[in-house]
């Protein structure tokens, strides 16, 4: 009779531990290299760029379409009423005291009042007044006080910017 020897082959405990440690080191290295916190901040900044551009586009398209005012080519009344060189919080709020207490922490902007852009929504130029995404550890924004500001120059050009830009040098404004 022939005896069969049963030899089991496999990995030893030490070999398994070494492989697990190597995989863990590679995972930590990949996590650090990808830097998810920065990627999330970049994503929020991208949303801010999109929102700022959408508001400016809506105001400009409304200006071009303007047939209701006595002066063709005017902005909506809320934008026409802005003081040149002053900064206003974009939103649906109309109470000056509420808007004056709003802040643009990361931007050298002193908000003095609000500019209510619900007219652009009512006329179909914006789906809704956009609210800035909440920055890491920042202020939660909503349609009332959006986290976006508007300014009008002496030449009538408007600038719209984001209060809470995170990874964009020089801020976000168009």
N, C-alpha and C. Protein backbone atom coordinates (compact mmCIF):
# COMPACT_ATOMS: atom_id res chain seq x y z
N UNK A 1 0.80 -1.17 0.00
CA UNK A 1 0.00 0.00 0.00
C UNK A 1 0.86 1.26 0.00
N UNK A 2 0.42 2.19 -0.78
CA UNK A 2 1.18 3.43 -0.90
C UNK A 2 0.60 4.44 0.07
N UNK A 3 1.51 5.02 0.82
CA UNK A 3 1.09 6.06 1.76
C UNK A 3 1.14 7.42 1.08
N UNK A 4 0.07 8.13 1.26
CA UNK A 4 0.03 9.49 0.70
C UNK A 4 0.40 10.48 1.78
N UNK A 5 1.27 11.36 1.45
CA UNK A 5 1.66 12.41 2.38
C UNK A 5 0.89 13.66 1.99
N UNK A 6 0.18 14.21 2.93
CA UNK A 6 -0.63 15.40 2.68
C UNK A 6 0.18 16.63 3.05
N UNK A 7 0.71 17.29 2.06
CA UNK A 7 1.47 18.51 2.33
C UNK A 7 0.58 19.71 2.02
N UNK A 8 0.35 20.49 3.01
CA UNK A 8 -0.45 21.70 2.80
C UNK A 8 0.49 22.86 2.50
N UNK A 9 0.15 23.58 1.48
CA UNK A 9 0.94 24.75 1.16
C UNK A 9 0.07 25.97 1.40
N UNK A 10 0.69 27.06 1.76
CA UNK A 10 -0.04 28.29 2.02
C UNK A 10 0.91 29.34 2.56
N UNK A 11 0.31 30.41 3.04
CA UNK A 11 1.11 31.50 3.57
C UNK A 11 1.21 31.38 5.08
N UNK A 12 2.34 31.76 5.58
CA UNK A 12 2.51 31.77 7.04
C UNK A 12 1.91 33.07 7.57
N UNK A 13 1.72 33.12 8.84
CA UNK A 13 1.16 34.31 9.48
C UNK A 13 2.05 35.52 9.24
N UNK A 14 3.34 35.34 9.33
CA UNK A 14 4.28 36.45 9.13
C UNK A 14 4.16 36.99 7.70
N UNK A 15 4.05 36.14 6.72
CA UNK A 15 3.91 36.59 5.33
C UNK A 15 2.62 37.38 5.14
N UNK A 16 1.55 36.92 5.72
CA UNK A 16 0.28 37.64 5.63
C UNK A 16 0.37 39.02 6.29
N UNK A 17 0.99 39.10 7.44
CA UNK A 17 1.14 40.38 8.13
C UNK A 17 1.99 41.35 7.32
N UNK A 18 3.03 40.87 6.71
CA UNK A 18 3.89 41.74 5.89
C UNK A 18 3.09 42.29 4.70
N UNK A 19 2.31 41.46 4.05
CA UNK A 19 1.50 41.92 2.92
C UNK A 19 0.47 42.95 3.37
N UNK A 20 -0.17 42.71 4.50
CA UNK A 20 -1.16 43.66 5.03
C UNK A 20 -0.52 45.00 5.35
N UNK A 21 0.66 44.98 5.95
CA UNK A 21 1.36 46.23 6.28
C UNK A 21 1.74 46.97 5.00
N UNK A 22 2.21 46.28 4.00
CA UNK A 22 2.57 46.93 2.73
C UNK A 22 1.34 47.57 2.09
N UNK A 23 0.23 46.86 2.07
CA UNK A 23 -1.01 47.41 1.50
C UNK A 23 -1.46 48.64 2.29
N UNK A 24 -1.36 48.60 3.61
CA UNK A 24 -1.74 49.74 4.44
C UNK A 24 -0.87 50.95 4.15
N UNK A 25 0.43 50.74 4.00
CA UNK A 25 1.35 51.85 3.70
C UNK A 25 1.00 52.45 2.34
N UNK A 26 0.73 51.63 1.35
CA UNK A 26 0.35 52.14 0.03
C UNK A 26 -0.97 52.91 0.08
N UNK A 27 -1.93 52.42 0.86
CA UNK A 27 -3.23 53.10 0.99
C UNK A 27 -3.06 54.47 1.64
N UNK A 28 -2.27 54.54 2.69
CA UNK A 28 -2.03 55.83 3.36
C UNK A 28 -1.32 56.78 2.41
N UNK A 29 -0.34 56.27 1.67
CA UNK A 29 0.37 57.11 0.71
C UNK A 29 -0.55 57.66 -0.37
N UNK A 30 -1.43 56.82 -0.87
CA UNK A 30 -2.38 57.28 -1.89
C UNK A 30 -3.35 58.30 -1.32
N UNK A 31 -3.80 58.09 -0.10
CA UNK A 31 -4.73 59.02 0.55
C UNK A 31 -4.09 60.39 0.72
N UNK A 32 -2.84 60.40 1.17
CA UNK A 32 -2.13 61.66 1.36
C UNK A 32 -1.87 62.33 0.01
N UNK A 33 -1.50 61.55 -0.98
CA UNK A 33 -1.20 62.12 -2.30
C UNK A 33 -2.44 62.71 -2.96
N UNK A 34 -3.59 62.08 -2.77
CA UNK A 34 -4.82 62.58 -3.39
C UNK A 34 -5.40 63.77 -2.65
N UNK A 35 -5.10 63.93 -1.38
CA UNK A 35 -5.52 65.07 -0.56
C UNK A 35 -7.01 65.39 -0.74
N UNK A 36 -7.88 64.56 -0.18
CA UNK A 36 -9.32 64.74 -0.40
C UNK A 36 -9.86 66.08 0.12
N UNK A 37 -9.28 66.62 1.18
CA UNK A 37 -9.78 67.91 1.69
C UNK A 37 -9.63 69.01 0.64
N UNK A 38 -8.49 69.00 -0.04
CA UNK A 38 -8.27 69.99 -1.09
C UNK A 38 -9.20 69.76 -2.26
N UNK A 39 -9.43 68.51 -2.62
CA UNK A 39 -10.33 68.19 -3.72
C UNK A 39 -11.76 68.65 -3.40
N UNK A 40 -12.20 68.46 -2.15
CA UNK A 40 -13.54 68.92 -1.77
C UNK A 40 -13.62 70.45 -1.84
N UNK A 41 -12.56 71.13 -1.37
CA UNK A 41 -12.54 72.60 -1.44
C UNK A 41 -12.57 73.07 -2.90
N UNK A 42 -11.82 72.39 -3.76
CA UNK A 42 -11.83 72.73 -5.19
C UNK A 42 -13.23 72.54 -5.78
N UNK A 43 -13.89 71.49 -5.36
CA UNK A 43 -15.25 71.23 -5.84
C UNK A 43 -16.21 72.34 -5.42
N UNK A 44 -16.09 72.78 -4.15
CA UNK A 44 -16.96 73.87 -3.68
C UNK A 44 -16.64 75.17 -4.42
N UNK A 45 -15.35 75.43 -4.69
CA UNK A 45 -14.98 76.62 -5.45
C UNK A 45 -15.54 76.56 -6.88
N UNK A 46 -15.54 75.38 -7.46
CA UNK A 46 -16.10 75.22 -8.80
C UNK A 46 -17.59 75.55 -8.80
N UNK A 47 -18.29 75.13 -7.76
CA UNK A 47 -19.72 75.47 -7.63
C UNK A 47 -19.89 76.98 -7.50
N UNK A 48 -19.00 77.61 -6.74
CA UNK A 48 -19.08 79.08 -6.59
C UNK A 48 -18.88 79.77 -7.94
N UNK A 49 -17.88 79.32 -8.72
CA UNK A 49 -17.65 79.90 -10.05
C UNK A 49 -18.90 79.77 -10.91
N UNK A 50 -19.51 78.60 -10.89
CA UNK A 50 -20.71 78.35 -11.69
C UNK A 50 -21.85 79.27 -11.26
N UNK A 51 -22.05 79.40 -9.94
CA UNK A 51 -23.14 80.25 -9.43
C UNK A 51 -22.92 81.71 -9.78
N UNK A 52 -21.70 82.20 -9.58
CA UNK A 52 -21.39 83.61 -9.86
C UNK A 52 -21.61 83.91 -11.34
N UNK A 53 -21.15 83.01 -12.19
CA UNK A 53 -21.33 83.19 -13.63
C UNK A 53 -22.81 83.16 -14.01
N UNK A 54 -23.57 82.26 -13.39
CA UNK A 54 -25.01 82.16 -13.69
C UNK A 54 -25.75 83.44 -13.32
N UNK A 55 -25.42 84.02 -12.16
CA UNK A 55 -26.08 85.25 -11.73
C UNK A 55 -25.73 86.40 -12.68
N UNK A 56 -24.45 86.51 -13.03
CA UNK A 56 -24.05 87.58 -13.96
C UNK A 56 -24.70 87.38 -15.32
N UNK A 57 -24.71 86.16 -15.82
CA UNK A 57 -25.36 85.89 -17.11
C UNK A 57 -26.84 86.24 -17.07
N UNK A 58 -27.51 85.89 -15.99
CA UNK A 58 -28.94 86.20 -15.86
C UNK A 58 -29.18 87.71 -15.88
N UNK A 59 -28.34 88.45 -15.15
CA UNK A 59 -28.49 89.91 -15.11
C UNK A 59 -28.23 90.52 -16.49
N UNK A 60 -27.22 90.01 -17.18
CA UNK A 60 -26.88 90.55 -18.50
C UNK A 60 -27.95 90.21 -19.55
N UNK A 61 -28.43 88.97 -19.52
CA UNK A 61 -29.47 88.58 -20.48
C UNK A 61 -30.74 89.38 -20.23
N UNK A 62 -31.07 89.60 -18.95
CA UNK A 62 -32.23 90.42 -18.62
C UNK A 62 -32.03 91.85 -19.13
N UNK A 63 -30.81 92.35 -19.00
CA UNK A 63 -30.52 93.70 -19.47
C UNK A 63 -30.72 93.80 -20.98
N UNK A 64 -30.27 92.81 -21.71
CA UNK A 64 -30.43 92.81 -23.17
C UNK A 64 -31.90 92.68 -23.56
N UNK A 65 -32.62 91.86 -22.82
CA UNK A 65 -34.05 91.64 -23.12
C UNK A 65 -34.94 92.77 -22.64
N UNK A 66 -34.39 93.73 -21.90
CA UNK A 66 -35.20 94.76 -21.25
C UNK A 66 -36.00 95.57 -22.26
N UNK A 67 -37.31 95.53 -22.08
CA UNK A 67 -38.20 96.36 -22.89
C UNK A 67 -39.19 97.11 -22.01
N UNK A 68 -39.18 96.79 -20.71
CA UNK A 68 -40.17 97.36 -19.81
C UNK A 68 -39.78 98.74 -19.29
N UNK A 69 -38.48 99.01 -19.19
CA UNK A 69 -38.07 100.29 -18.59
C UNK A 69 -38.10 101.40 -19.63
N UNK A 70 -37.99 102.62 -19.13
CA UNK A 70 -38.00 103.78 -20.03
C UNK A 70 -36.68 103.88 -20.79
N UNK A 71 -35.62 103.38 -20.20
CA UNK A 71 -34.30 103.37 -20.84
C UNK A 71 -33.98 101.94 -21.26
N UNK A 72 -34.04 101.60 -22.52
CA UNK A 72 -33.70 100.24 -22.93
C UNK A 72 -32.26 99.90 -22.52
N UNK A 73 -32.06 98.66 -22.13
CA UNK A 73 -30.73 98.22 -21.73
C UNK A 73 -30.42 98.43 -20.26
N UNK A 74 -31.41 98.77 -19.46
CA UNK A 74 -31.17 98.91 -18.03
C UNK A 74 -31.23 97.55 -17.35
N UNK A 75 -30.54 97.48 -16.21
CA UNK A 75 -30.67 96.30 -15.36
C UNK A 75 -32.02 96.34 -14.66
N UNK A 76 -32.35 95.27 -13.94
CA UNK A 76 -33.58 95.29 -13.14
C UNK A 76 -33.45 96.41 -12.11
N UNK A 77 -34.57 96.87 -11.60
CA UNK A 77 -34.59 98.03 -10.69
C UNK A 77 -33.69 97.83 -9.48
N UNK A 78 -33.63 96.61 -8.96
CA UNK A 78 -32.81 96.35 -7.77
C UNK A 78 -31.32 96.57 -8.05
N UNK A 79 -30.88 96.25 -9.25
CA UNK A 79 -29.47 96.47 -9.59
C UNK A 79 -29.24 97.93 -9.96
N UNK A 80 -30.18 98.55 -10.65
CA UNK A 80 -30.06 99.97 -11.01
C UNK A 80 -29.95 100.85 -9.76
N UNK A 81 -30.56 100.40 -8.66
CA UNK A 81 -30.58 101.21 -7.43
C UNK A 81 -29.30 101.10 -6.61
N UNK A 82 -28.36 100.25 -6.99
CA UNK A 82 -27.13 100.08 -6.21
C UNK A 82 -26.28 101.35 -6.26
N UNK A 83 -25.65 101.66 -5.13
CA UNK A 83 -24.70 102.77 -5.09
C UNK A 83 -23.39 102.33 -5.72
N UNK A 84 -22.82 103.17 -6.55
CA UNK A 84 -21.56 102.83 -7.21
C UNK A 84 -20.46 102.57 -6.19
N UNK A 85 -19.73 101.48 -6.39
CA UNK A 85 -18.58 101.16 -5.54
C UNK A 85 -18.91 100.49 -4.23
N UNK A 86 -20.16 100.32 -3.89
CA UNK A 86 -20.54 99.66 -2.64
C UNK A 86 -20.80 98.18 -2.91
N UNK A 87 -20.69 97.39 -1.85
CA UNK A 87 -20.89 95.95 -1.98
C UNK A 87 -22.19 95.53 -1.31
N UNK A 88 -22.91 94.65 -1.98
CA UNK A 88 -24.22 94.20 -1.51
C UNK A 88 -24.24 92.68 -1.49
N UNK A 89 -24.87 92.11 -0.46
CA UNK A 89 -25.04 90.66 -0.39
C UNK A 89 -26.17 90.27 -1.32
N UNK A 90 -25.91 89.34 -2.22
CA UNK A 90 -26.93 88.83 -3.14
C UNK A 90 -27.83 87.88 -2.37
N UNK A 91 -29.12 87.96 -2.63
CA UNK A 91 -30.03 87.03 -1.97
C UNK A 91 -31.47 87.43 -2.16
N UNK A 92 -32.30 86.95 -1.24
CA UNK A 92 -33.72 87.28 -1.27
C UNK A 92 -34.10 88.16 -0.09
N UNK A 93 -33.14 88.49 0.74
CA UNK A 93 -33.38 89.32 1.93
C UNK A 93 -33.51 90.77 1.49
N UNK A 94 -34.38 91.51 2.17
CA UNK A 94 -34.57 92.92 1.85
C UNK A 94 -34.34 93.83 3.05
N UNK A 95 -34.01 93.26 4.20
CA UNK A 95 -33.82 94.05 5.41
C UNK A 95 -32.37 94.51 5.51
N UNK A 96 -32.10 95.82 5.40
CA UNK A 96 -30.72 96.30 5.42
C UNK A 96 -29.93 95.87 6.66
N UNK A 97 -30.56 95.85 7.81
CA UNK A 97 -29.84 95.48 9.04
C UNK A 97 -29.34 94.04 8.98
N UNK A 98 -30.15 93.16 8.43
CA UNK A 98 -29.75 91.76 8.30
C UNK A 98 -28.57 91.63 7.35
N UNK A 99 -28.61 92.34 6.26
CA UNK A 99 -27.55 92.25 5.27
C UNK A 99 -26.27 92.92 5.73
N UNK A 100 -26.40 94.01 6.44
CA UNK A 100 -25.21 94.71 6.92
C UNK A 100 -24.44 93.85 7.91
N UNK A 101 -25.15 92.95 8.61
CA UNK A 101 -24.46 92.08 9.57
C UNK A 101 -23.84 90.87 8.87
N UNK A 102 -24.19 90.65 7.61
CA UNK A 102 -23.59 89.54 6.85
C UNK A 102 -22.15 89.89 6.54
N UNK A 103 -21.33 88.88 6.43
CA UNK A 103 -19.92 89.18 6.19
C UNK A 103 -19.35 88.33 5.07
N UNK A 104 -18.36 88.90 4.45
CA UNK A 104 -17.53 88.18 3.49
C UNK A 104 -16.18 88.03 4.16
N UNK A 105 -16.00 86.94 4.87
CA UNK A 105 -14.83 86.75 5.72
C UNK A 105 -13.53 86.78 4.93
N UNK A 106 -13.47 86.06 3.83
CA UNK A 106 -12.22 85.91 3.11
C UNK A 106 -11.98 86.96 2.03
N UNK A 107 -12.91 87.84 1.84
CA UNK A 107 -12.78 88.86 0.81
C UNK A 107 -12.75 90.24 1.46
N UNK A 108 -11.99 91.17 0.88
CA UNK A 108 -11.95 92.53 1.43
C UNK A 108 -13.19 93.32 1.00
N UNK A 109 -14.34 92.82 1.43
CA UNK A 109 -15.62 93.38 1.00
C UNK A 109 -16.42 93.76 2.24
N UNK A 110 -16.83 95.01 2.32
CA UNK A 110 -17.69 95.45 3.41
C UNK A 110 -19.11 95.52 2.87
N UNK A 111 -19.91 94.55 3.22
CA UNK A 111 -21.29 94.49 2.74
C UNK A 111 -22.10 95.55 3.47
N UNK A 112 -22.80 96.40 2.73
CA UNK A 112 -23.59 97.45 3.37
C UNK A 112 -25.09 97.19 3.31
N UNK A 113 -25.51 96.33 2.41
CA UNK A 113 -26.95 96.11 2.23
C UNK A 113 -27.14 94.84 1.40
N UNK A 114 -28.38 94.56 1.06
CA UNK A 114 -28.71 93.41 0.22
C UNK A 114 -29.16 93.87 -1.15
N UNK A 115 -29.04 92.97 -2.11
CA UNK A 115 -29.68 93.18 -3.40
C UNK A 115 -30.53 91.94 -3.64
N UNK A 116 -31.84 92.16 -3.70
CA UNK A 116 -32.80 91.08 -3.83
C UNK A 116 -32.97 90.74 -5.31
N UNK A 117 -32.58 89.53 -5.69
CA UNK A 117 -32.62 89.14 -7.10
C UNK A 117 -33.78 88.21 -7.44
N UNK A 118 -34.83 88.24 -6.63
CA UNK A 118 -35.97 87.37 -6.94
C UNK A 118 -36.64 87.75 -8.26
N UNK A 119 -36.47 88.99 -8.70
CA UNK A 119 -37.03 89.40 -9.99
C UNK A 119 -36.44 88.56 -11.13
N UNK A 120 -35.14 88.26 -11.04
CA UNK A 120 -34.52 87.42 -12.07
C UNK A 120 -35.09 86.01 -12.06
N UNK A 121 -35.48 85.54 -10.87
CA UNK A 121 -36.11 84.22 -10.76
C UNK A 121 -37.53 84.30 -11.30
N UNK A 122 -38.27 85.33 -10.89
CA UNK A 122 -39.67 85.48 -11.32
C UNK A 122 -39.79 85.61 -12.84
N UNK A 123 -38.81 86.26 -13.46
CA UNK A 123 -38.86 86.45 -14.90
C UNK A 123 -38.23 85.30 -15.68
N UNK A 124 -37.73 84.28 -14.97
CA UNK A 124 -37.21 83.09 -15.62
C UNK A 124 -35.75 83.13 -16.02
N UNK A 125 -35.01 84.11 -15.56
CA UNK A 125 -33.59 84.19 -15.91
C UNK A 125 -32.71 83.33 -15.01
N UNK A 126 -33.20 83.06 -13.81
CA UNK A 126 -32.53 82.15 -12.87
C UNK A 126 -33.56 81.15 -12.39
N UNK A 127 -33.13 79.90 -12.21
CA UNK A 127 -34.05 78.89 -11.66
C UNK A 127 -34.32 79.20 -10.19
N UNK A 128 -33.29 79.63 -9.48
CA UNK A 128 -33.40 80.02 -8.07
C UNK A 128 -32.19 80.88 -7.76
N UNK A 129 -32.30 81.70 -6.73
CA UNK A 129 -31.14 82.47 -6.30
C UNK A 129 -30.17 81.47 -5.66
N UNK A 130 -28.96 81.34 -6.22
CA UNK A 130 -28.05 80.31 -5.71
C UNK A 130 -27.47 80.67 -4.35
N UNK A 131 -27.21 79.66 -3.55
CA UNK A 131 -26.55 79.83 -2.25
C UNK A 131 -25.20 79.15 -2.32
N UNK A 132 -24.19 79.82 -1.80
CA UNK A 132 -22.83 79.27 -1.84
C UNK A 132 -22.74 78.02 -0.98
N UNK A 133 -21.94 77.06 -1.40
CA UNK A 133 -21.74 75.87 -0.56
C UNK A 133 -21.03 76.26 0.73
N UNK A 134 -21.30 75.53 1.78
CA UNK A 134 -20.68 75.81 3.08
C UNK A 134 -19.22 75.42 3.03
N UNK A 135 -18.35 76.38 3.33
CA UNK A 135 -16.92 76.10 3.38
C UNK A 135 -16.62 75.24 4.60
N UNK A 136 -15.51 74.55 4.56
CA UNK A 136 -15.12 73.71 5.70
C UNK A 136 -15.02 74.60 6.94
N UNK A 137 -15.87 74.36 7.91
CA UNK A 137 -15.88 75.17 9.13
C UNK A 137 -16.43 76.56 8.94
N UNK A 138 -17.13 76.81 7.84
CA UNK A 138 -17.61 78.14 7.54
C UNK A 138 -19.08 78.35 7.84
N UNK A 139 -19.58 79.47 7.38
CA UNK A 139 -20.96 79.86 7.58
C UNK A 139 -21.86 79.11 6.60
N UNK A 140 -22.98 78.62 7.10
CA UNK A 140 -23.96 77.98 6.23
C UNK A 140 -24.74 79.08 5.52
N UNK A 141 -24.82 78.98 4.22
CA UNK A 141 -25.50 79.99 3.40
C UNK A 141 -26.83 79.45 2.90
N UNK A 142 -27.76 80.37 2.63
CA UNK A 142 -29.04 79.99 2.03
C UNK A 142 -29.45 81.10 1.06
N UNK A 143 -30.61 80.99 0.47
CA UNK A 143 -31.04 81.96 -0.54
C UNK A 143 -31.22 83.36 0.04
N UNK A 144 -31.43 83.46 1.35
CA UNK A 144 -31.59 84.77 1.98
C UNK A 144 -30.29 85.56 1.94
N UNK A 145 -29.24 84.99 2.47
CA UNK A 145 -27.90 85.58 2.46
C UNK A 145 -26.98 84.55 1.81
N UNK A 146 -26.77 84.70 0.52
CA UNK A 146 -26.20 83.62 -0.29
C UNK A 146 -24.71 83.38 -0.13
N UNK A 147 -23.96 84.35 0.32
CA UNK A 147 -22.51 84.21 0.32
C UNK A 147 -21.89 84.73 -0.96
N UNK A 148 -22.70 85.40 -1.77
CA UNK A 148 -22.22 86.06 -2.98
C UNK A 148 -22.47 87.56 -2.84
N UNK A 149 -21.57 88.37 -3.37
CA UNK A 149 -21.75 89.82 -3.29
C UNK A 149 -21.84 90.41 -4.69
N UNK A 150 -22.40 91.61 -4.74
CA UNK A 150 -22.53 92.32 -6.02
C UNK A 150 -22.07 93.75 -5.80
N UNK A 151 -21.42 94.29 -6.81
CA UNK A 151 -20.99 95.68 -6.78
C UNK A 151 -21.23 96.27 -8.16
N UNK A 152 -21.46 97.56 -8.18
CA UNK A 152 -21.68 98.25 -9.46
C UNK A 152 -20.67 99.38 -9.57
N UNK A 153 -19.98 99.46 -10.70
CA UNK A 153 -18.97 100.50 -10.89
C UNK A 153 -19.63 101.79 -11.37
N UNK A 154 -18.84 102.84 -11.43
CA UNK A 154 -19.36 104.13 -11.89
C UNK A 154 -19.75 104.08 -13.36
N UNK A 155 -19.20 103.13 -14.11
CA UNK A 155 -19.55 102.98 -15.52
C UNK A 155 -20.79 102.11 -15.71
N UNK A 156 -21.31 101.55 -14.63
CA UNK A 156 -22.50 100.72 -14.70
C UNK A 156 -22.23 99.23 -14.80
N UNK A 157 -20.95 98.85 -14.88
CA UNK A 157 -20.61 97.42 -14.94
C UNK A 157 -20.82 96.80 -13.57
N UNK A 158 -21.36 95.59 -13.55
CA UNK A 158 -21.56 94.92 -12.26
C UNK A 158 -20.52 93.81 -12.10
N UNK A 159 -20.13 93.60 -10.85
CA UNK A 159 -19.21 92.53 -10.48
C UNK A 159 -19.92 91.67 -9.46
N UNK A 160 -19.82 90.37 -9.64
CA UNK A 160 -20.39 89.43 -8.68
C UNK A 160 -19.27 88.53 -8.23
N UNK A 161 -19.18 88.31 -6.92
CA UNK A 161 -18.11 87.49 -6.37
C UNK A 161 -18.59 86.60 -5.25
N UNK A 162 -17.73 85.68 -4.85
CA UNK A 162 -18.03 84.75 -3.76
C UNK A 162 -17.30 85.20 -2.50
N UNK A 163 -17.99 85.13 -1.38
CA UNK A 163 -17.42 85.55 -0.11
C UNK A 163 -16.46 84.52 0.48
N UNK A 164 -16.69 83.25 0.22
CA UNK A 164 -15.97 82.20 0.94
C UNK A 164 -15.08 81.35 0.05
N UNK A 165 -14.39 81.93 -0.91
CA UNK A 165 -13.51 81.14 -1.77
C UNK A 165 -12.45 80.45 -0.91
N UNK A 166 -12.18 79.19 -1.22
CA UNK A 166 -11.27 78.41 -0.39
C UNK A 166 -9.88 78.22 -1.00
N UNK A 167 -9.80 77.73 -2.22
CA UNK A 167 -8.50 77.40 -2.82
C UNK A 167 -8.18 78.26 -4.02
N UNK A 168 -8.88 79.36 -4.19
CA UNK A 168 -8.67 80.20 -5.35
C UNK A 168 -7.93 81.46 -4.92
N UNK A 169 -6.72 81.62 -5.40
CA UNK A 169 -5.95 82.81 -5.08
C UNK A 169 -6.58 84.01 -5.76
N UNK A 170 -6.81 85.06 -5.02
CA UNK A 170 -7.41 86.26 -5.58
C UNK A 170 -8.92 86.27 -5.56
N UNK A 171 -9.53 85.24 -4.99
CA UNK A 171 -10.98 85.21 -4.86
C UNK A 171 -11.68 84.79 -6.14
N UNK A 172 -12.98 84.76 -6.04
CA UNK A 172 -13.82 84.36 -7.17
C UNK A 172 -14.74 85.52 -7.48
N UNK A 173 -14.54 86.14 -8.64
CA UNK A 173 -15.45 87.22 -9.04
C UNK A 173 -15.42 87.37 -10.56
N UNK A 174 -16.58 87.76 -11.08
CA UNK A 174 -16.71 88.01 -12.52
C UNK A 174 -17.47 89.30 -12.71
